[in-house]
Protein backbone atom coordinates (compact mmCIF):
# COMPACT_ATOMS: atom_id res chain seq x y z
CA MET A 1 -11.94 -9.55 45.44
CA SER A 2 -11.48 -12.89 43.73
CA PRO A 3 -11.89 -13.34 39.95
CA LEU A 4 -15.09 -15.26 40.58
CA GLN A 5 -16.55 -12.43 42.62
CA ASN A 6 -15.39 -9.96 39.95
CA TYR A 7 -17.22 -11.99 37.30
CA SER A 8 -20.39 -12.21 39.34
CA CYS A 9 -20.34 -8.42 39.87
CA SER A 10 -20.06 -7.73 36.16
CA CYS A 11 -22.87 -10.19 35.45
CA SER A 12 -25.10 -8.58 38.04
CA VAL A 13 -24.37 -5.18 36.52
CA PHE A 14 -25.42 -6.46 33.09
CA ASN A 15 -28.51 -8.09 34.60
CA ALA A 16 -29.40 -4.85 36.34
CA MET A 17 -29.43 -2.96 33.04
CA ASN A 18 -32.90 -2.33 31.87
CA GLN A 19 -34.07 -4.05 28.73
CA CYS A 20 -33.82 -0.87 26.62
CA VAL A 21 -30.12 -0.41 27.41
CA ARG A 22 -29.36 -4.07 26.71
CA ARG A 23 -31.14 -3.79 23.37
CA ASP A 24 -29.05 -0.71 22.48
CA VAL A 25 -25.83 -2.50 23.40
CA LEU A 26 -26.74 -5.52 21.30
CA ARG A 27 -27.83 -3.29 18.40
CA SER A 28 -24.46 -1.50 18.52
CA LEU A 29 -22.60 -4.80 18.49
CA LEU A 30 -24.67 -6.06 15.56
CA SER A 31 -24.06 -2.82 13.64
CA GLY A 32 -20.33 -3.25 14.15
CA VAL A 33 -20.42 -6.80 12.83
CA VAL A 34 -22.40 -5.74 9.76
CA ALA A 35 -19.99 -2.87 9.12
CA LEU A 36 -17.05 -5.28 9.22
CA MET A 37 -18.79 -7.61 6.77
CA PHE A 38 -19.16 -4.83 4.23
CA CYS A 39 -15.89 -2.99 4.86
CA HIS A 40 -14.49 -4.03 1.46
CA THR A 41 -16.85 -1.47 -0.11
CA ALA A 42 -15.48 1.22 2.12
CA LEU A 43 -11.99 0.39 0.96
CA ALA A 44 -12.80 1.01 -2.71
CA LEU A 45 -10.66 3.69 -4.33
CA ASP A 46 -11.85 5.36 -7.52
CA ILE A 47 -9.09 6.00 -10.03
CA ASN A 48 -10.67 9.30 -11.08
CA GLN A 49 -10.35 10.72 -7.54
CA ALA A 50 -7.24 9.04 -6.15
CA ASN A 51 -4.06 11.02 -5.60
CA GLU A 52 -0.55 9.77 -6.30
CA ALA A 53 0.05 8.40 -2.81
CA GLU A 54 -3.26 6.50 -2.85
CA LEU A 55 -2.49 4.99 -6.25
CA ASP A 56 1.02 4.01 -5.11
CA SER A 57 -0.47 2.22 -2.09
CA ILE A 58 -2.24 -0.30 -4.34
CA LYS A 59 -0.31 -3.53 -4.83
CA GLY A 60 0.68 -3.76 -8.49
CA MET A 61 0.56 0.00 -9.04
CA GLY A 62 4.05 1.42 -8.72
CA PRO A 63 5.23 5.02 -9.11
CA ALA A 64 5.72 4.69 -12.88
CA LEU A 65 2.22 3.34 -13.50
CA SER A 66 0.71 5.91 -11.12
CA ALA A 67 2.41 8.68 -13.09
CA LYS A 68 0.98 7.31 -16.36
CA VAL A 69 -2.51 7.17 -14.83
CA LEU A 70 -2.30 10.73 -13.53
CA LYS A 71 -0.99 12.03 -16.85
CA ALA A 72 -3.79 10.33 -18.81
CA ARG A 73 -6.38 11.47 -16.26
CA SER A 74 -5.26 15.08 -16.64
CA LEU A 75 -6.72 14.92 -20.16
CA GLY A 76 -10.10 13.81 -18.80
CA ALA A 77 -11.68 11.38 -16.38
CA PHE A 78 -11.75 7.71 -17.28
CA LYS A 79 -15.21 6.58 -18.41
CA ASP A 80 -14.78 2.88 -17.66
CA TRP A 81 -12.18 0.13 -17.44
CA SER A 82 -12.00 -0.14 -21.22
CA ASP A 83 -11.19 3.57 -21.49
CA LEU A 84 -8.52 3.20 -18.79
CA MET A 85 -6.89 0.23 -20.52
CA GLN A 86 -6.91 2.04 -23.86
CA ARG A 87 -5.35 5.25 -22.53
CA VAL A 88 -2.78 3.87 -20.06
CA SER A 89 -0.07 1.59 -21.38
CA GLY A 90 0.74 -1.13 -18.87
CA ILE A 91 -2.85 -1.76 -17.86
CA ARG A 92 -4.41 -4.65 -19.71
CA GLN A 93 -6.95 -7.27 -18.69
CA ASN A 94 -4.79 -9.14 -16.16
CA LYS A 95 -3.49 -5.96 -14.54
CA ALA A 96 -7.00 -4.47 -14.46
CA GLN A 97 -8.29 -7.59 -12.70
CA GLN A 98 -5.44 -7.43 -10.18
CA LEU A 99 -6.01 -3.72 -9.46
CA SER A 100 -9.76 -4.23 -9.13
CA GLU A 101 -9.19 -7.03 -6.61
CA GLN A 102 -7.07 -4.56 -4.61
CA GLY A 103 -10.08 -2.20 -4.39
CA LEU A 104 -9.55 0.07 -7.39
CA THR A 105 -12.67 1.16 -9.28
CA VAL A 106 -13.40 3.27 -12.34
CA ASN A 107 -16.48 5.42 -11.80
CA GLY A 108 -17.43 3.12 -8.92
CA GLN A 109 -17.31 -0.01 -11.11
CA THR A 110 -15.08 -3.01 -10.46
CA PHE A 111 -13.43 -4.76 -13.38
CA ALA A 112 -15.48 -7.57 -14.86
CA THR A 113 -14.03 -9.97 -17.39
CA LYS A 114 -16.20 -10.68 -20.38
CA PRO A 115 -17.35 -14.34 -20.65
């Protein structure tokens, strides 16, 4: 079978699908595209729930800083970015911005600089 015949067979198979099946296929494709558009939210990692390996995987958060975060968190969950920056030496405004851009959150909140 030539490539042209192969192509025409696949087209005729798609054309033979009833409208309901085609709609389901297109809906699935659209759902996949939407999921990819919003995948950055799925990649968010909350500092109050992350383990050591997850913290270490964030660019800018090495083993030493991860250890400081875990030690401070053992005394209580971080309330917000301000609380985190106050309790963990080595995390200030620039570092908080960098970590937030990598997907780190505090109680689901990204870091926002004050105007």
